[in-house]
N, C-alpha and C. Protein backbone atom coordinates (compact mmCIF):
# COMPACT_ATOMS: atom_id res chain seq x y z
N MET A 1 58.28 176.35 111.07
CA MET A 1 58.34 177.80 110.96
C MET A 1 58.98 178.36 112.23
N VAL A 2 60.00 179.15 112.07
CA VAL A 2 60.68 179.75 113.21
C VAL A 2 59.87 180.94 113.70
N ARG A 3 59.65 180.98 115.02
CA ARG A 3 58.97 182.11 115.66
C ARG A 3 60.04 182.95 116.34
N GLN A 4 59.94 184.25 116.22
CA GLN A 4 60.90 185.14 116.87
C GLN A 4 60.15 186.09 117.79
N ALA A 5 60.79 186.42 118.91
CA ALA A 5 60.18 187.35 119.86
C ALA A 5 61.25 188.24 120.47
N LEU A 6 60.79 189.42 120.87
CA LEU A 6 61.58 190.34 121.69
C LEU A 6 60.95 190.27 123.06
N ILE A 7 61.74 189.93 124.05
CA ILE A 7 61.24 189.87 125.43
C ILE A 7 61.94 190.94 126.24
N LEU A 8 61.15 191.81 126.85
CA LEU A 8 61.66 192.87 127.72
C LEU A 8 61.46 192.43 129.15
N GLY A 9 62.41 192.75 130.02
CA GLY A 9 62.29 192.33 131.41
C GLY A 9 62.68 193.40 132.39
N ASP A 10 62.04 193.35 133.54
CA ASP A 10 62.30 194.28 134.63
C ASP A 10 62.86 193.47 135.80
N LEU A 11 63.89 193.99 136.43
CA LEU A 11 64.54 193.29 137.55
C LEU A 11 64.08 193.82 138.89
N LYS A 12 64.16 192.96 139.88
CA LYS A 12 63.95 193.39 141.26
C LYS A 12 65.16 194.23 141.66
N PRO A 13 65.01 195.12 142.64
CA PRO A 13 66.16 195.90 143.11
C PRO A 13 67.29 194.98 143.60
N ARG A 14 68.52 195.45 143.50
CA ARG A 14 69.69 194.66 143.92
C ARG A 14 69.55 194.15 145.34
N SER A 15 68.88 194.93 146.20
CA SER A 15 68.71 194.51 147.58
C SER A 15 67.88 193.24 147.71
N GLU A 16 67.14 192.90 146.64
CA GLU A 16 66.34 191.68 146.65
C GLU A 16 67.05 190.53 145.94
N GLY A 17 68.31 190.71 145.59
CA GLY A 17 69.07 189.60 145.05
C GLY A 17 69.36 189.64 143.56
N ALA A 18 68.96 190.67 142.84
CA ALA A 18 69.21 190.73 141.41
C ALA A 18 70.67 191.12 141.14
N ASN A 19 71.39 190.33 140.37
CA ASN A 19 72.75 190.63 139.95
C ASN A 19 72.77 190.53 138.44
N ILE A 20 72.84 191.66 137.75
CA ILE A 20 72.66 191.69 136.30
C ILE A 20 73.68 190.85 135.55
N HIS A 21 74.92 190.80 135.99
CA HIS A 21 75.94 190.04 135.27
C HIS A 21 75.65 188.53 135.33
N LYS A 22 75.33 188.04 136.50
CA LYS A 22 74.99 186.62 136.64
C LYS A 22 73.69 186.31 135.93
N LEU A 23 72.74 187.22 136.02
CA LEU A 23 71.45 187.01 135.39
C LEU A 23 71.57 186.93 133.87
N LEU A 24 72.33 187.84 133.27
CA LEU A 24 72.51 187.81 131.82
C LEU A 24 73.15 186.51 131.36
N GLU A 25 74.12 186.01 132.11
CA GLU A 25 74.74 184.73 131.75
C GLU A 25 73.71 183.60 131.80
N LYS A 26 72.86 183.61 132.79
CA LYS A 26 71.80 182.60 132.90
C LYS A 26 70.81 182.73 131.75
N LEU A 27 70.44 183.95 131.41
CA LEU A 27 69.49 184.18 130.32
C LEU A 27 70.05 183.74 128.98
N ARG A 28 71.33 183.97 128.76
CA ARG A 28 71.97 183.58 127.49
C ARG A 28 72.02 182.07 127.31
N ARG A 29 71.89 181.32 128.39
CA ARG A 29 71.91 179.86 128.31
C ARG A 29 70.53 179.24 128.08
N LEU A 30 69.48 180.05 128.14
CA LEU A 30 68.13 179.53 127.90
C LEU A 30 67.99 179.08 126.45
N ASN A 31 67.29 177.98 126.23
CA ASN A 31 67.05 177.49 124.87
C ASN A 31 66.34 178.57 124.06
N GLY A 32 66.84 178.83 122.87
CA GLY A 32 66.21 179.78 121.97
C GLY A 32 66.70 181.21 122.09
N VAL A 33 67.40 181.55 123.17
CA VAL A 33 67.86 182.93 123.35
C VAL A 33 69.08 183.16 122.46
N LYS A 34 68.95 184.12 121.56
CA LYS A 34 70.03 184.46 120.63
C LYS A 34 70.81 185.68 121.08
N GLU A 35 70.16 186.53 121.90
CA GLU A 35 70.83 187.73 122.39
C GLU A 35 70.18 188.14 123.71
N ALA A 36 71.00 188.61 124.64
CA ALA A 36 70.52 189.13 125.92
C ALA A 36 71.38 190.33 126.28
N GLN A 37 70.74 191.48 126.50
CA GLN A 37 71.48 192.71 126.77
C GLN A 37 70.83 193.49 127.90
N TYR A 38 71.65 194.16 128.68
CA TYR A 38 71.23 195.08 129.74
C TYR A 38 70.94 196.42 129.06
N ILE A 39 69.82 197.06 129.37
CA ILE A 39 69.43 198.28 128.68
C ILE A 39 68.95 199.35 129.66
N THR A 40 68.79 200.58 129.17
CA THR A 40 68.22 201.66 129.95
C THR A 40 66.76 201.83 129.56
N GLY A 41 66.04 202.60 130.34
CA GLY A 41 64.63 202.85 130.04
C GLY A 41 63.73 202.15 131.05
N PRO A 42 62.47 201.96 130.69
CA PRO A 42 61.53 201.36 131.64
C PRO A 42 61.80 199.88 131.92
N TYR A 43 62.57 199.23 131.05
CA TYR A 43 62.94 197.82 131.27
C TYR A 43 64.44 197.73 131.48
N ASP A 44 64.87 196.64 132.11
CA ASP A 44 66.29 196.46 132.45
C ASP A 44 67.06 195.60 131.46
N PHE A 45 66.37 194.71 130.75
CA PHE A 45 67.06 193.85 129.79
C PHE A 45 66.12 193.48 128.65
N TYR A 46 66.75 193.06 127.54
CA TYR A 46 65.94 192.50 126.45
C TYR A 46 66.57 191.21 125.99
N LEU A 47 65.73 190.35 125.43
CA LEU A 47 66.16 189.08 124.83
C LEU A 47 65.62 189.01 123.41
N ILE A 48 66.39 188.46 122.52
CA ILE A 48 65.91 188.06 121.20
C ILE A 48 65.82 186.54 121.26
N VAL A 49 64.64 186.01 120.98
CA VAL A 49 64.40 184.58 121.11
C VAL A 49 63.91 184.03 119.77
N ASN A 50 64.50 182.92 119.33
CA ASN A 50 64.06 182.18 118.16
C ASN A 50 63.68 180.77 118.58
N VAL A 51 62.48 180.35 118.26
CA VAL A 51 62.01 179.01 118.59
C VAL A 51 61.28 178.43 117.38
N ASN A 52 61.01 177.13 117.44
CA ASN A 52 60.35 176.45 116.32
C ASN A 52 58.83 176.56 116.34
N ASP A 53 58.24 176.69 117.53
CA ASP A 53 56.79 176.73 117.60
C ASP A 53 56.32 177.38 118.90
N GLN A 54 55.01 177.51 119.03
CA GLN A 54 54.42 178.17 120.19
C GLN A 54 54.74 177.42 121.48
N SER A 55 54.81 176.12 121.43
CA SER A 55 55.12 175.32 122.61
C SER A 55 56.50 175.67 123.16
N GLU A 56 57.47 175.81 122.27
CA GLU A 56 58.82 176.19 122.70
C GLU A 56 58.83 177.61 123.27
N MET A 57 58.04 178.50 122.68
CA MET A 57 57.97 179.88 123.19
C MET A 57 57.39 179.86 124.60
N ASN A 58 56.34 179.08 124.80
CA ASN A 58 55.75 178.95 126.14
C ASN A 58 56.78 178.47 127.15
N SER A 59 57.61 177.50 126.76
CA SER A 59 58.63 176.97 127.66
C SER A 59 59.66 178.03 128.03
N VAL A 60 60.09 178.81 127.04
CA VAL A 60 61.08 179.86 127.30
C VAL A 60 60.51 180.89 128.28
N VAL A 61 59.28 181.34 128.03
CA VAL A 61 58.67 182.36 128.88
C VAL A 61 58.44 181.82 130.29
N THR A 62 57.99 180.58 130.39
CA THR A 62 57.76 179.97 131.71
C THR A 62 59.06 179.86 132.48
N GLU A 63 60.12 179.38 131.82
CA GLU A 63 61.43 179.25 132.47
C GLU A 63 61.97 180.62 132.88
N LEU A 64 61.79 181.60 132.03
CA LEU A 64 62.25 182.96 132.30
C LEU A 64 61.58 183.52 133.55
N ARG A 65 60.30 183.33 133.68
CA ARG A 65 59.55 183.88 134.81
C ARG A 65 59.88 183.19 136.13
N GLU A 66 60.52 182.05 136.07
CA GLU A 66 60.90 181.32 137.29
C GLU A 66 62.28 181.70 137.80
N ILE A 67 63.02 182.51 137.05
CA ILE A 67 64.37 182.89 137.44
C ILE A 67 64.30 183.96 138.53
N GLU A 68 65.00 183.71 139.62
CA GLU A 68 65.02 184.67 140.73
C GLU A 68 65.68 185.96 140.29
N GLY A 69 65.11 187.07 140.70
CA GLY A 69 65.64 188.38 140.36
C GLY A 69 64.84 189.07 139.27
N ILE A 70 64.01 188.31 138.54
CA ILE A 70 63.20 188.91 137.48
C ILE A 70 61.84 189.30 138.07
N LYS A 71 61.51 190.56 137.93
CA LYS A 71 60.25 191.08 138.48
C LYS A 71 59.08 190.86 137.52
N GLU A 72 59.28 191.20 136.23
CA GLU A 72 58.23 191.02 135.24
C GLU A 72 58.83 190.95 133.85
N THR A 73 58.04 190.43 132.90
CA THR A 73 58.48 190.36 131.51
C THR A 73 57.34 190.80 130.59
N MET A 74 57.71 191.21 129.39
CA MET A 74 56.74 191.50 128.34
C MET A 74 57.27 190.87 127.06
N THR A 75 56.48 190.00 126.46
CA THR A 75 56.89 189.30 125.25
C THR A 75 56.19 189.91 124.04
N CYS A 76 56.99 190.28 123.04
CA CYS A 76 56.47 190.86 121.80
C CYS A 76 56.85 189.92 120.65
N LEU A 77 55.85 189.27 120.05
CA LEU A 77 56.11 188.38 118.93
C LEU A 77 56.40 189.20 117.67
N VAL A 78 57.36 188.76 116.90
CA VAL A 78 57.69 189.41 115.64
C VAL A 78 56.69 188.90 114.60
N LEU A 79 56.04 189.82 113.91
CA LEU A 79 55.05 189.47 112.89
C LEU A 79 55.64 189.60 111.50
N SER A 80 55.14 188.79 110.59
CA SER A 80 55.53 188.91 109.18
C SER A 80 54.63 189.93 108.52
N PRO A 81 55.18 190.89 107.80
CA PRO A 81 54.33 191.87 107.12
C PRO A 81 53.57 191.22 105.97
N ARG A 82 52.37 191.70 105.75
CA ARG A 82 51.60 191.20 104.61
C ARG A 82 52.19 191.75 103.32
N THR A 83 52.19 190.93 102.32
CA THR A 83 52.72 191.39 101.02
C THR A 83 51.62 191.42 99.99
């Protein structure tokens, strides 16, 4: 079963080493990342992630949090509506 998530992220200020162009390229290379975009609002970027299971989702989130320049993330799992 494919799991999908929307991950929102906040960057450290540029003075602390965050470079959005380089960061987006790095994020797009993460396993499971289908889309990575720079956005406005309370968060600086979003990712659409597709993985096979919870273990893979854990790996993506763990790897994401280790990338320099990322201040915080919020992961929102996509739910299937009840029918």
